Amino acid sequence: MFEILCNIRLGNMYVDLYSLTFFALIALMILGLVIQARLRSVFAKYSKVQTVQSKTAAEVAREVLAQNRSNVSVSQIAGTLTDNFNPRSNTVSLSQDVYSSRSVAALAVALHEVGHVMQYQNDYFPIKIRNSILPVARIGSTAAPYIVILGILLSSFNLAAIGVVLYAAVLLFQLATLPVEFNASSRAIDMLTMGGYIRNDEISGAKKVLRMAALTYVVATLSTLVSLLRLVLLVSGSRRRD
Protein backbone atom coordinates (compact mmCIF):
# COMPACT_ATOMS: atom_id res chain seq x y z
CA MET A 1 0.00 0.00 0.00
CA PHE A 2 2.86 2.35 0.85
CA GLU A 3 4.39 1.75 -2.58
CA ILE A 4 1.13 2.87 -4.15
CA LEU A 5 1.01 6.01 -2.00
CA CYS A 6 4.67 6.95 -2.34
CA ASN A 7 5.08 6.41 -6.06
CA ILE A 8 3.13 7.77 -8.99
CA ARG A 9 3.65 6.60 -12.55
CA LEU A 10 4.74 9.15 -15.16
CA GLY A 11 5.22 7.34 -18.46
CA ASN A 12 7.87 4.68 -17.82
CA MET A 13 9.22 6.38 -14.71
CA TYR A 14 8.27 6.18 -11.05
CA VAL A 15 8.58 9.37 -9.10
CA ASP A 16 8.99 9.24 -5.36
CA LEU A 17 6.19 11.22 -3.74
CA TYR A 18 8.37 12.15 -0.80
CA SER A 19 10.84 13.78 -3.18
CA LEU A 20 8.02 15.59 -4.92
CA THR A 21 6.92 17.12 -1.64
CA PHE A 22 10.44 18.53 -1.23
CA PHE A 23 10.22 20.28 -4.59
CA ALA A 24 6.70 21.41 -3.75
CA LEU A 25 8.00 23.07 -0.58
CA ILE A 26 10.74 24.83 -2.57
CA ALA A 27 8.14 26.05 -5.08
CA LEU A 28 5.88 27.30 -2.28
CA MET A 29 8.81 29.04 -0.59
CA ILE A 30 9.59 30.87 -3.84
CA LEU A 31 5.90 31.68 -4.32
CA GLY A 32 5.77 33.02 -0.78
CA LEU A 33 8.73 35.31 -1.43
CA VAL A 34 7.11 36.54 -4.64
CA ILE A 35 3.83 37.28 -2.84
CA GLN A 36 5.66 39.06 -0.01
CA ALA A 37 7.47 41.21 -2.56
CA ARG A 38 4.21 41.87 -4.39
CA LEU A 39 2.49 42.79 -1.12
CA ARG A 40 5.19 45.33 -0.30
CA SER A 41 4.97 46.72 -3.83
CA VAL A 42 1.16 47.07 -3.74
CA PHE A 43 1.29 48.53 -0.23
CA ALA A 44 3.92 51.07 -1.32
CA LYS A 45 1.86 52.00 -4.38
CA TYR A 46 -1.34 52.69 -2.48
CA SER A 47 0.53 54.30 0.40
CA LYS A 48 1.09 57.14 -2.06
CA VAL A 49 -2.63 57.44 -2.81
CA GLN A 50 -3.95 59.84 -0.19
CA THR A 51 -7.61 59.87 0.80
CA VAL A 52 -9.56 63.12 0.67
CA GLN A 53 -10.52 63.03 4.36
CA SER A 54 -8.17 64.55 6.94
CA LYS A 55 -8.02 61.70 9.47
CA THR A 56 -5.07 59.39 9.88
CA ALA A 57 -5.39 55.62 9.95
CA ALA A 58 -5.01 55.65 13.74
CA GLU A 59 -7.75 58.29 14.10
CA VAL A 60 -10.08 56.36 11.81
CA ALA A 61 -9.44 53.15 13.76
CA ARG A 62 -10.21 54.89 17.07
CA GLU A 63 -13.34 56.44 15.61
CA VAL A 64 -14.71 53.14 14.31
CA LEU A 65 -13.89 51.41 17.59
CA ALA A 66 -15.70 54.13 19.52
CA GLN A 67 -18.72 53.84 17.22
CA ASN A 68 -18.86 50.14 18.06
CA ARG A 69 -18.49 50.81 21.79
CA SER A 70 -15.15 49.04 21.99
CA ASN A 71 -12.59 49.77 24.70
CA VAL A 72 -9.70 48.56 22.55
CA SER A 73 -6.82 51.03 22.35
CA VAL A 74 -4.75 51.93 19.29
CA SER A 75 -0.97 52.26 19.53
CA GLN A 76 2.06 52.44 17.25
CA ILE A 77 4.48 49.59 16.72
CA ALA A 78 7.87 49.48 15.03
CA GLY A 79 8.42 47.84 11.67
CA THR A 80 6.67 47.57 8.33
CA LEU A 81 3.44 45.58 7.93
CA THR A 82 3.70 44.49 11.58
CA ASP A 83 0.12 45.59 12.27
CA ASN A 84 -1.85 43.33 14.58
CA PHE A 85 -4.62 43.06 17.16
CA ASN A 86 -3.71 41.55 20.53
CA PRO A 87 -6.87 40.40 22.34
CA ARG A 88 -4.93 39.87 25.57
CA SER A 89 -3.83 43.47 25.86
CA ASN A 90 -6.91 44.78 24.01
CA THR A 91 -4.67 46.74 21.68
CA VAL A 92 -4.60 47.37 17.95
CA SER A 93 -0.97 48.02 17.04
CA LEU A 94 -0.35 49.89 13.81
CA SER A 95 3.04 50.01 12.10
CA GLN A 96 4.94 53.22 11.50
CA ASP A 97 3.91 53.35 7.84
CA VAL A 98 0.24 53.04 8.79
CA TYR A 99 -0.31 54.85 12.08
CA SER A 100 0.00 58.49 10.93
CA SER A 101 -0.80 57.95 7.25
CA ARG A 102 -3.95 59.06 5.43
CA SER A 103 -3.38 56.75 2.48
CA VAL A 104 -5.72 54.15 1.04
CA ALA A 105 -3.29 51.38 2.02
CA ALA A 106 -2.96 52.60 5.61
CA LEU A 107 -6.70 52.88 6.18
CA ALA A 108 -7.29 49.42 4.69
CA VAL A 109 -4.69 47.83 6.96
CA ALA A 110 -5.88 49.69 10.06
CA LEU A 111 -9.50 48.71 9.59
CA HIS A 112 -8.51 45.14 8.82
CA GLU A 113 -7.15 44.99 12.37
CA VAL A 114 -10.33 46.65 13.65
CA GLY A 115 -12.16 43.91 11.77
CA HIS A 116 -10.45 41.39 14.05
CA VAL A 117 -11.67 43.38 17.06
CA MET A 118 -15.22 43.15 15.73
CA GLN A 119 -14.84 39.39 15.27
CA TYR A 120 -14.09 38.98 18.97
CA GLN A 121 -16.84 41.41 19.88
CA ASN A 122 -19.39 39.55 17.73
CA ASP A 123 -18.25 36.05 18.76
CA TYR A 124 -17.24 35.17 15.21
CA PHE A 125 -17.26 31.35 15.18
CA PRO A 126 -14.09 30.63 13.12
CA ILE A 127 -12.00 32.72 15.50
CA LYS A 128 -13.32 30.63 18.40
CA ILE A 129 -12.22 27.49 16.59
CA ARG A 130 -8.81 28.98 15.85
CA ASN A 131 -8.25 30.02 19.45
CA SER A 132 -9.27 26.59 20.75
CA ILE A 133 -6.63 24.94 18.53
CA LEU A 134 -3.92 27.52 19.29
CA PRO A 135 -2.36 25.89 22.40
CA VAL A 136 -1.84 22.55 20.63
CA ALA A 137 -0.73 24.27 17.41
CA ARG A 138 1.97 26.17 19.31
CA ILE A 139 3.41 22.92 20.58
CA GLY A 140 3.09 21.28 17.19
CA SER A 141 4.82 24.08 15.30
CA THR A 142 8.02 23.68 17.32
CA ALA A 143 8.07 20.13 18.70
CA ALA A 144 6.21 17.96 16.19
CA PRO A 145 9.06 17.28 13.70
CA TYR A 146 11.43 16.39 16.52
CA ILE A 147 8.88 14.05 18.07
CA VAL A 148 8.44 12.30 14.71
CA ILE A 149 12.21 11.90 14.27
CA LEU A 150 12.61 10.65 17.84
CA GLY A 151 9.79 8.16 17.31
CA ILE A 152 11.47 6.84 14.15
CA LEU A 153 14.87 6.55 15.86
CA LEU A 154 13.30 4.66 18.76
CA SER A 155 11.19 2.53 16.38
CA SER A 156 8.12 3.81 18.22
CA PHE A 157 5.29 4.28 15.75
CA ASN A 158 2.97 5.61 18.46
CA LEU A 159 5.42 8.37 19.43
CA ALA A 160 5.95 9.33 15.79
CA ALA A 161 2.17 9.36 15.26
CA ILE A 162 1.80 11.78 18.17
CA GLY A 163 4.17 14.13 16.35
CA VAL A 164 2.07 13.87 13.20
CA VAL A 165 -1.12 14.64 15.12
CA LEU A 166 0.50 17.67 16.75
CA TYR A 167 1.59 18.96 13.36
CA ALA A 168 -1.89 18.33 11.99
CA ALA A 169 -3.10 20.77 14.65
CA VAL A 170 -0.87 23.42 13.06
CA LEU A 171 -2.60 22.81 9.73
CA LEU A 172 -6.04 22.99 11.36
CA PHE A 173 -5.07 26.27 13.01
CA GLN A 174 -3.98 27.75 9.69
CA LEU A 175 -7.11 26.49 7.93
CA ALA A 176 -9.21 28.19 10.60
CA THR A 177 -7.14 31.34 10.16
CA LEU A 178 -8.06 31.69 6.47
CA PRO A 179 -11.76 32.59 6.97
CA VAL A 180 -10.74 34.82 9.89
CA GLU A 181 -8.39 36.85 7.68
CA PHE A 182 -10.72 37.04 4.68
CA ASN A 183 -13.62 38.05 6.91
CA ALA A 184 -11.56 40.79 8.60
CA SER A 185 -10.71 42.17 5.17
CA SER A 186 -14.36 42.09 4.13
CA ARG A 187 -15.30 43.94 7.31
CA ALA A 188 -12.58 46.50 6.61
CA ILE A 189 -13.95 47.27 3.15
CA ASP A 190 -17.47 47.61 4.56
CA MET A 191 -16.29 49.98 7.29
CA LEU A 192 -14.29 52.06 4.82
CA THR A 193 -17.17 52.47 2.40
CA MET A 194 -20.04 52.86 4.86
CA GLY A 195 -18.02 55.33 6.92
CA GLY A 196 -17.18 57.37 3.84
CA TYR A 197 -13.46 57.13 4.55
CA ILE A 198 -12.52 56.36 0.94
CA ARG A 199 -14.06 57.19 -2.42
CA ASN A 200 -15.58 54.59 -4.71
CA ASP A 201 -12.61 54.81 -7.08
CA GLU A 202 -10.24 54.02 -4.18
CA ILE A 203 -11.98 50.81 -3.10
CA SER A 204 -10.14 48.64 -5.64
CA GLY A 205 -6.79 49.79 -4.24
CA ALA A 206 -7.81 48.91 -0.70
CA LYS A 207 -9.01 45.48 -1.86
CA LYS A 208 -5.72 44.80 -3.66
CA VAL A 209 -3.69 45.52 -0.53
CA LEU A 210 -5.87 43.26 1.61
CA ARG A 211 -6.01 40.53 -1.02
CA MET A 212 -2.22 40.33 -1.27
CA ALA A 213 -1.95 40.19 2.51
CA ALA A 214 -4.47 37.32 2.62
CA LEU A 215 -2.53 35.37 -0.01
CA THR A 216 0.44 35.13 2.36
CA TYR A 217 -1.76 33.07 4.69
CA VAL A 218 -2.88 30.85 1.81
CA VAL A 219 0.71 30.02 0.85
CA ALA A 220 1.64 29.36 4.49
CA THR A 221 -1.27 26.94 4.79
CA LEU A 222 -0.27 25.09 1.62
CA SER A 223 3.31 24.81 2.89
CA THR A 224 2.09 23.32 6.16
CA LEU A 225 -0.10 20.86 4.26
CA VAL A 226 2.86 19.64 2.20
CA SER A 227 5.07 19.44 5.32
CA LEU A 228 2.41 17.35 7.04
CA LEU A 229 2.27 15.01 4.05
CA ARG A 230 6.05 14.61 4.27
CA LEU A 231 5.80 13.65 7.93
CA VAL A 232 3.02 11.14 7.19
CA LEU A 233 5.07 9.55 4.41
CA LEU A 234 8.16 9.46 6.61
CA VAL A 235 6.33 7.74 9.46
CA SER A 236 4.52 5.33 7.13
CA GLY A 237 7.79 4.41 5.42
CA SER A 238 9.60 3.77 8.68
CA ARG A 239 6.77 1.58 9.94
CA ARG A 240 6.79 -0.45 6.72
CA ARG A 241 10.55 -1.01 7.00
CA ASP A 242 10.08 -2.13 10.61
C-alpha atoms as a PDB file:
ATOM      1  CA  MET A   1       0.000   0.000   0.000  1.00  0.00           C
ATOM      2  CA  PHE A   2       2.861   2.348   0.854  1.00  0.00           C
ATOM      3  CA  GLU A   3       4.389   1.754  -2.578  1.00  0.00           C
ATOM      4  CA  ILE A   4       1.127   2.870  -4.152  1.00  0.00           C
ATOM      5  CA  LEU A   5       1.012   6.007  -2.000  1.00  0.00           C
ATOM      6  CA  CYS A   6       4.669   6.953  -2.340  1.00  0.00           C
ATOM      7  CA  ASN A   7       5.077   6.407  -6.057  1.00  0.00           C
ATOM      8  CA  ILE A   8       3.131   7.766  -8.986  1.00  0.00           C
ATOM      9  CA  ARG A   9       3.651   6.596 -12.546  1.00  0.00           C
ATOM     10  CA  LEU A  10       4.745   9.147 -15.160  1.00  0.00           C
ATOM     11  CA  GLY A  11       5.219   7.344 -18.465  1.00  0.00           C
ATOM     12  CA  ASN A  12       7.866   4.675 -17.819  1.00  0.00           C
ATOM     13  CA  MET A  13       9.219   6.377 -14.711  1.00  0.00           C
ATOM     14  CA  TYR A  14       8.273   6.179 -11.051  1.00  0.00           C
ATOM     15  CA  VAL A  15       8.581   9.374  -9.104  1.00  0.00           C
ATOM     16  CA  ASP A  16       8.992   9.239  -5.361  1.00  0.00           C
ATOM     17  CA  LEU A  17       6.191  11.219  -3.743  1.00  0.00           C
ATOM     18  CA  TYR A  18       8.373  12.151  -0.798  1.00  0.00           C
ATOM     19  CA  SER A  19      10.844  13.785  -3.176  1.00  0.00           C
ATOM     20  CA  LEU A  20       8.021  15.588  -4.922  1.00  0.00           C
ATOM     21  CA  THR A  21       6.923  17.122  -1.636  1.00  0.00           C
ATOM     22  CA  PHE A  22      10.442  18.533  -1.231  1.00  0.00           C
ATOM     23  CA  PHE A  23      10.224  20.281  -4.592  1.00  0.00           C
ATOM     24  CA  ALA A  24       6.695  21.414  -3.748  1.00  0.00           C
ATOM     25  CA  LEU A  25       8.001  23.071  -0.584  1.00  0.00           C
ATOM     26  CA  ILE A  26      10.736  24.832  -2.569  1.00  0.00           C
ATOM     27  CA  ALA A  27       8.145  26.053  -5.075  1.00  0.00           C
ATOM     28  CA  LEU A  28       5.883  27.297  -2.281  1.00  0.00           C
ATOM     29  CA  MET A  29       8.807  29.037  -0.594  1.00  0.00           C
ATOM     30  CA  ILE A  30       9.591  30.870  -3.839  1.00  0.00           C
ATOM     31  CA  LEU A  31       5.904  31.680  -4.317  1.00  0.00           C
ATOM     32  CA  GLY A  32       5.773  33.022  -0.777  1.00  0.00           C
ATOM     33  CA  LEU A  33       8.731  35.314  -1.432  1.00  0.00           C
ATOM     34  CA  VAL A  34       7.105  36.545  -4.637  1.00  0.00           C
ATOM     35  CA  ILE A  35       3.830  37.275  -2.841  1.00  0.00           C
ATOM     36  CA  GLN A  36       5.658  39.056  -0.007  1.00  0.00           C
ATOM     37  CA  ALA A  37       7.471  41.207  -2.556  1.00  0.00           C
ATOM     38  CA  ARG A  38       4.214  41.873  -4.386  1.00  0.00           C
ATOM     39  CA  LEU A  39       2.493  42.786  -1.118  1.00  0.00           C
ATOM     40  CA  ARG A  40       5.188  45.331  -0.302  1.00  0.00           C
ATOM     41  CA  SER A  41       4.966  46.722  -3.828  1.00  0.00           C
ATOM     42  CA  VAL A  42       1.163  47.068  -3.740  1.00  0.00           C
ATOM     43  CA  PHE A  43       1.286  48.529  -0.229  1.00  0.00           C
ATOM     44  CA  ALA A  44       3.922  51.070  -1.322  1.00  0.00           C
ATOM     45  CA  LYS A  45       1.862  52.001  -4.377  1.00  0.00           C
ATOM     46  CA  TYR A  46      -1.344  52.685  -2.476  1.00  0.00           C
ATOM     47  CA  SER A  47       0.528  54.301   0.395  1.00  0.00           C
ATOM     48  CA  LYS A  48       1.093  57.136  -2.062  1.00  0.00           C
ATOM     49  CA  VAL A  49      -2.635  57.436  -2.810  1.00  0.00           C
ATOM     50  CA  GLN A  50      -3.946  59.841  -0.188  1.00  0.00           C
ATOM     51  CA  THR A  51      -7.608  59.867   0.797  1.00  0.00           C
ATOM     52  CA  VAL A  52      -9.558  63.122   0.669  1.00  0.00           C
ATOM     53  CA  GLN A  53     -10.516  63.032   4.356  1.00  0.00           C
ATOM     54  CA  SER A  54      -8.173  64.548   6.939  1.00  0.00           C
ATOM     55  CA  LYS A  55      -8.025  61.702   9.467  1.00  0.00           C
ATOM     56  CA  THR A  56      -5.067  59.394   9.882  1.00  0.00           C
ATOM     57  CA  ALA A  57      -5.393  55.616   9.947  1.00  0.00           C
ATOM     58  CA  ALA A  58      -5.015  55.653  13.737  1.00  0.00           C
ATOM     59  CA  GLU A  59      -7.746  58.287  14.102  1.00  0.00           C
ATOM     60  CA  VAL A  60     -10.078  56.361  11.809  1.00  0.00           C
ATOM     61  CA  ALA A  61      -9.436  53.154  13.756  1.00  0.00           C
ATOM     62  CA  ARG A  62     -10.205  54.892  17.067  1.00  0.00           C
ATOM     63  CA  GLU A  63     -13.339  56.444  15.611  1.00  0.00           C
ATOM     64  CA  VAL A  64     -14.706  53.140  14.313  1.00  0.00           C
ATOM     65  CA  LEU A  65     -13.887  51.412  17.586  1.00  0.00           C
ATOM     66  CA  ALA A  66     -15.701  54.134  19.518  1.00  0.00           C
ATOM     67  CA  GLN A  67     -18.722  53.839  17.221  1.00  0.00           C
ATOM     68  CA  ASN A  68     -18.861  50.139  18.056  1.00  0.00           C
ATOM     69  CA  ARG A  69     -18.491  50.808  21.795  1.00  0.00           C
ATOM     70  CA  SER A  70     -15.155  49.041  21.990  1.00  0.00           C
ATOM     71  CA  ASN A  71     -12.592  49.774  24.696  1.00  0.00           C
ATOM     72  CA  VAL A  72      -9.705  48.558  22.548  1.00  0.00           C
ATOM     73  CA  SER A  73      -6.819  51.032  22.348  1.00  0.00           C
ATOM     74  CA  VAL A  74      -4.748  51.934  19.285  1.00  0.00           C
ATOM     75  CA  SER A  75      -0.970  52.262  19.528  1.00  0.00           C
ATOM     76  CA  GLN A  76       2.058  52.443  17.251  1.00  0.00           C
ATOM     77  CA  ILE A  77       4.484  49.585  16.719  1.00  0.00           C
ATOM     78  CA  ALA A  78       7.869  49.476  15.030  1.00  0.00           C
ATOM     79  CA  GLY A  79       8.420  47.839  11.672  1.00  0.00           C
ATOM     80  CA  THR A  80       6.674  47.568   8.328  1.00  0.00           C
ATOM     81  CA  LEU A  81       3.445  45.583   7.934  1.00  0.00           C
ATOM     82  CA  THR A  82       3.696  44.490  11.575  1.00  0.00           C
ATOM     83  CA  ASP A  83       0.121  45.589  12.269  1.00  0.00           C
ATOM     84  CA  ASN A  84      -1.855  43.332  14.580  1.00  0.00           C
ATOM     85  CA  PHE A  85      -4.623  43.057  17.162  1.00  0.00           C
ATOM     86  CA  ASN A  86      -3.710  41.547  20.530  1.00  0.00           C
ATOM     87  CA  PRO A  87      -6.873  40.401  22.340  1.00  0.00           C
ATOM     88  CA  ARG A  88      -4.926  39.867  25.567  1.00  0.00           C
ATOM     89  CA  SER A  89      -3.830  43.472  25.861  1.00  0.00           C
ATOM     90  CA  ASN A  90      -6.909  44.777  24.014  1.00  0.00           C
ATOM     91  CA  THR A  91      -4.667  46.740  21.680  1.00  0.00           C
ATOM     92  CA  VAL A  92      -4.598  47.365  17.949  1.00  0.00           C
ATOM     93  CA  SER A  93      -0.967  48.021  17.035  1.00  0.00           C
ATOM     94  CA  LEU A  94      -0.346  49.894  13.805  1.00  0.00           C
ATOM     95  CA  SER A  95       3.038  50.008  12.099  1.00  0.00           C
ATOM     96  CA  GLN A  96       4.939  53.221  11.503  1.00  0.00           C
ATOM     97  CA  ASP A  97       3.906  53.354   7.837  1.00  0.00           C
ATOM     98  CA  VAL A  98       0.240  53.039   8.793  1.00  0.00           C
ATOM     99  CA  TYR A  99      -0.308  54.853  12.077  1.00  0.00           C
ATOM    100  CA  SER A 100      -0.003  58.487  10.930  1.00  0.00           C
ATOM    101  CA  SER A 101      -0.798  57.954   7.251  1.00  0.00           C
ATOM    102  CA  ARG A 102      -3.952  59.065   5.430  1.00  0.00           C
ATOM    103  CA  SER A 103      -3.377  56.754   2.482  1.00  0.00           C
ATOM    104  CA  VAL A 104      -5.721  54.146   1.043  1.00  0.00           C
ATOM    105  CA  ALA A 105      -3.293  51.382   2.025  1.00  0.00           C
ATOM    106  CA  ALA A 106      -2.963  52.600   5.614  1.00  0.00           C
ATOM    107  CA  LEU A 107      -6.704  52.881   6.183  1.00  0.00           C
ATOM    108  CA  ALA A 108      -7.287  49.422   4.687  1.00  0.00           C
ATOM    109  CA  VAL A 109      -4.693  47.830   6.960  1.00  0.00           C
ATOM    110  CA  ALA A 110      -5.877  49.689  10.064  1.00  0.00           C
ATOM    111  CA  LEU A 111      -9.502  48.715   9.590  1.00  0.00           C
ATOM    112  CA  HIS A 112      -8.509  45.142   8.824  1.00  0.00           C
ATOM    113  CA  GLU A 113      -7.155  44.990  12.375  1.00  0.00           C
ATOM    114  CA  VAL A 114     -10.326  46.654  13.647  1.00  0.00           C
ATOM    115  CA  GLY A 115     -12.162  43.907  11.775  1.00  0.00           C
ATOM    116  CA  HIS A 116     -10.453  41.391  14.053  1.00  0.00           C
ATOM    117  CA  VAL A 117     -11.674  43.379  17.056  1.00  0.00           C
ATOM    118  CA  MET A 118     -15.221  43.150  15.734  1.00  0.00           C
ATOM    119  CA  GLN A 119     -14.837  39.394  15.273  1.00  0.00           C
ATOM    120  CA  TYR A 120     -14.094  38.984  18.968  1.00  0.00           C
ATOM    121  CA  GLN A 121     -16.844  41.405  19.881  1.00  0.00           C
ATOM    122  CA  ASN A 122     -19.387  39.552  17.732  1.00  0.00           C
ATOM    123  CA  ASP A 123     -18.250  36.050  18.763  1.00  0.00           C
ATOM    124  CA  TYR A 124     -17.238  35.168  15.214  1.00  0.00           C
ATOM    125  CA  PHE A 125     -17.258  31.345  15.178  1.00  0.00           C
ATOM    126  CA  PRO A 126     -14.089  30.631  13.125  1.00  0.00           C
ATOM    127  CA  ILE A 127     -11.997  32.724  15.504  1.00  0.00           C
ATOM    128  CA  LYS A 128     -13.324  30.630  18.404  1.00  0.00           C
ATOM    129  CA  ILE A 129     -12.219  27.489  16.592  1.00  0.00           C
ATOM    130  CA  ARG A 130      -8.812  28.982  15.848  1.00  0.00           C
ATOM    131  CA  ASN A 131      -8.254  30.019  19.453  1.00  0.00           C
ATOM    132  CA  SER A 132      -9.271  26.591  20.748  1.00  0.00           C
ATOM    133  CA  ILE A 133      -6.633  24.942  18.527  1.00  0.00           C
ATOM    134  CA  LEU A 134      -3.919  27.522  19.285  1.00  0.00           C
ATOM    135  CA  PRO A 135      -2.361  25.885  22.401  1.00  0.00           C
ATOM    136  CA  VAL A 136      -1.837  22.553  20.633  1.00  0.00           C
ATOM    137  CA  ALA A 137      -0.726  24.274  17.413  1.00  0.00           C
ATOM    138  CA  ARG A 138       1.966  26.169  19.314  1.00  0.00           C
ATOM    139  CA  ILE A 139       3.405  22.916  20.579  1.00  0.00           C
ATOM    140  CA  GLY A 140       3.091  21.275  17.186  1.00  0.00           C
ATOM    141  CA  SER A 141       4.821  24.084  15.295  1.00  0.00           C
ATOM    142  CA  THR A 142       8.016  23.676  17.323  1.00  0.00           C
ATOM    143  CA  ALA A 143       8.070  20.135  18.703  1.00  0.00           C
ATOM    144  CA  ALA A 144       6.210  17.956  16.186  1.00  0.00           C
ATOM    145  CA  PRO A 145       9.057  17.279  13.697  1.00  0.00           C
ATOM    146  CA  TYR A 146      11.434  16.394  16.523  1.00  0.00           C
ATOM    147  CA  ILE A 147       8.881  14.050  18.071  1.00  0.00           C
ATOM    148  CA  VAL A 148       8.445  12.305  14.711  1.00  0.00           C
ATOM    149  CA  ILE A 149      12.210  11.899  14.269  1.00  0.00           C
ATOM    150  CA  LEU A 150      12.609  10.645  17.836  1.00  0.00           C
ATOM    151  CA  GLY A 151       9.794   8.158  17.307  1.00  0.00           C
ATOM    152  CA  ILE A 152      11.466   6.841  14.155  1.00  0.00           C
ATOM    153  CA  LEU A 153      14.871   6.548  15.860  1.00  0.00           C
ATOM    154  CA  LEU A 154      13.300   4.665  18.760  1.00  0.00           C
ATOM    155  CA  SER A 155      11.189   2.534  16.384  1.00  0.00           C
ATOM    156  CA  SER A 156       8.115   3.811  18.215  1.00  0.00           C
ATOM    157  CA  PHE A 157       5.288   4.279  15.745  1.00  0.00           C
ATOM    158  CA  ASN A 158       2.975   5.615  18.458  1.00  0.00           C
ATOM    159  CA  LEU A 159       5.416   8.372  19.426  1.00  0.00           C
ATOM    160  CA  ALA A 160       5.945   9.329  15.785  1.00  0.00           C
ATOM    161  CA  ALA A 161       2.169   9.357  15.257  1.00  0.00           C
ATOM    162  CA  ILE A 162       1.800  11.785  18.166  1.00  0.00           C
ATOM    163  CA  GLY A 163       4.170  14.133  16.353  1.00  0.00           C
ATOM    164  CA  VAL A 164       2.069  13.868  13.197  1.00  0.00           C
ATOM    165  CA  VAL A 165      -1.121  14.638  15.118  1.00  0.00           C
ATOM    166  CA  LEU A 166       0.499  17.669  16.755  1.00  0.00           C
ATOM    167  CA  TYR A 167       1.590  18.962  13.365  1.00  0.00           C
ATOM    168  CA  ALA A 168      -1.890  18.328  11.993  1.00  0.00           C
ATOM    169  CA  ALA A 169      -3.102  20.770  14.651  1.00  0.00           C
ATOM    170  CA  VAL A 170      -0.870  23.416  13.057  1.00  0.00           C
ATOM    171  CA  LEU A 171      -2.595  22.812   9.733  1.00  0.00           C
ATOM    172  CA  LEU A 172      -6.040  22.994  11.358  1.00  0.00           C
ATOM    173  CA  PHE A 173      -5.072  26.273  13.005  1.00  0.00           C
ATOM    174  CA  GLN A 174      -3.983  27.749   9.692  1.00  0.00           C
ATOM    175  CA  LEU A 175      -7.106  26.489   7.931  1.00  0.00           C
ATOM    176  CA  ALA A 176      -9.213  28.192  10.603  1.00  0.00           C
ATOM    177  CA  THR A 177      -7.138  31.344  10.157  1.00  0.00           C
ATOM    178  CA  LEU A 178      -8.064  31.695   6.471  1.00  0.00           C
ATOM    179  CA  PRO A 179     -11.760  32.594   6.969  1.00  0.00           C
ATOM    180  CA  VAL A 180     -10.741  34.822   9.894  1.00  0.00           C
ATOM    181  CA  GLU A 181      -8.389  36.850   7.685  1.00  0.00           C
ATOM    182  CA  PHE A 182     -10.716  37.040   4.681  1.00  0.00           C
ATOM    183  CA  ASN A 183     -13.622  38.054   6.908  1.00  0.00           C
ATOM    184  CA  ALA A 184     -11.564  40.785   8.598  1.00  0.00           C
ATOM    185  CA  SER A 185     -10.711  42.170   5.169  1.00  0.00           C
ATOM    186  CA  SER A 186     -14.363  42.089   4.126  1.00  0.00           C
ATOM    187  CA  ARG A 187     -15.303  43.937   7.306  1.00  0.00           C
ATOM    188  CA  ALA A 188     -12.578  46.499   6.610  1.00  0.00           C
ATOM    189  CA  ILE A 189     -13.950  47.275   3.147  1.00  0.00           C
ATOM    190  CA  ASP A 190     -17.471  47.615   4.556  1.00  0.00           C
ATOM    191  CA  MET A 191     -16.290  49.984   7.287  1.00  0.00           C
ATOM    192  CA  LEU A 192     -14.287  52.060   4.822  1.00  0.00           C
ATOM    193  CA  THR A 193     -17.173  52.465   2.396  1.00  0.00           C
ATOM    194  CA  MET A 194     -20.042  52.863   4.859  1.00  0.00           C
ATOM    195  CA  GLY A 195     -18.022  55.327   6.920  1.00  0.00           C
ATOM    196  CA  GLY A 196     -17.178  57.366   3.839  1.00  0.00           C
ATOM    197  CA  TYR A 197     -13.456  57.134   4.548  1.00  0.00           C
ATOM    198  CA  ILE A 198     -12.522  56.355   0.943  1.00  0.00           C
ATOM    199  CA  ARG A 199     -14.055  57.191  -2.420  1.00  0.00           C
ATOM    200  CA  ASN A 200     -15.581  54.593  -4.712  1.00  0.00           C
ATOM    201  CA  ASP A 201     -12.605  54.811  -7.078  1.00  0.00           C
ATOM    202  CA  GLU A 202     -10.242  54.017  -4.182  1.00  0.00           C
ATOM    203  CA  ILE A 203     -11.977  50.808  -3.104  1.00  0.00           C
ATOM    204  CA  SER A 204     -10.136  48.643  -5.642  1.00  0.00           C
ATOM    205  CA  GLY A 205      -6.790  49.791  -4.238  1.00  0.00           C
ATOM    206  CA  ALA A 206      -7.811  48.909  -0.695  1.00  0.00           C
ATOM    207  CA  LYS A 207      -9.008  45.484  -1.864  1.00  0.00           C
ATOM    208  CA  LYS A 208      -5.716  44.803  -3.664  1.00  0.00           C
ATOM    209  CA  VAL A 209      -3.692  45.522  -0.532  1.00  0.00           C
ATOM    210  CA  LEU A 210      -5.869  43.262   1.614  1.00  0.00           C
ATOM    211  CA  ARG A 211      -6.011  40.530  -1.018  1.00  0.00           C
ATOM    212  CA  MET A 212      -2.219  40.325  -1.269  1.00  0.00           C
ATOM    213  CA  ALA A 213      -1.946  40.186   2.513  1.00  0.00           C
ATOM    214  CA  ALA A 214      -4.472  37.325   2.618  1.00  0.00           C
ATOM    215  CA  LEU A 215      -2.531  35.366  -0.008  1.00  0.00           C
ATOM    216  CA  THR A 216       0.438  35.132   2.363  1.00  0.00           C
ATOM    217  CA  TYR A 217      -1.765  33.067   4.692  1.00  0.00           C
ATOM    218  CA  VAL A 218      -2.880  30.849   1.815  1.00  0.00           C
ATOM    219  CA  VAL A 219       0.712  30.018   0.852  1.00  0.00           C
ATOM    220  CA  ALA A 220       1.639  29.365   4.491  1.00  0.00           C
ATOM    221  CA  THR A 221      -1.273  26.939   4.788  1.00  0.00           C
ATOM    222  CA  LEU A 222      -0.266  25.086   1.624  1.00  0.00           C
ATOM    223  CA  SER A 223       3.308  24.812   2.895  1.00  0.00           C
ATOM    224  CA  THR A 224       2.087  23.323   6.159  1.00  0.00           C
ATOM    225  CA  LEU A 225      -0.100  20.861   4.256  1.00  0.00           C
ATOM    226  CA  VAL A 226       2.858  19.642   2.199  1.00  0.00           C
ATOM    227  CA  SER A 227       5.066  19.436   5.320  1.00  0.00           C
ATOM    228  CA  LEU A 228       2.412  17.351   7.040  1.00  0.00           C
ATOM    229  CA  LEU A 229       2.270  15.014   4.051  1.00  0.00           C
ATOM    230  CA  ARG A 230       6.052  14.607   4.267  1.00  0.00           C
ATOM    231  CA  LEU A 231       5.802  13.649   7.926  1.00  0.00           C
ATOM    232  CA  VAL A 232       3.024  11.143   7.195  1.00  0.00           C
ATOM    233  CA  LEU A 233       5.073   9.551   4.413  1.00  0.00           C
ATOM    234  CA  LEU A 234       8.156   9.461   6.611  1.00  0.00           C
ATOM    235  CA  VAL A 235       6.332   7.741   9.463  1.00  0.00           C
ATOM    236  CA  SER A 236       4.521   5.330   7.127  1.00  0.00           C
ATOM    237  CA  GLY A 237       7.786   4.412   5.416  1.00  0.00           C
ATOM    238  CA  SER A 238       9.600   3.775   8.677  1.00  0.00           C
ATOM    239  CA  ARG A 239       6.775   1.583   9.939  1.00  0.00           C
ATOM    240  CA  ARG A 240       6.792  -0.445   6.724  1.00  0.00           C
ATOM    241  CA  ARG A 241      10.554  -1.007   7.003  1.00  0.00           C
ATOM    242  CA  ASP A 242      10.081  -2.128  10.606  1.00  0.00           C
END
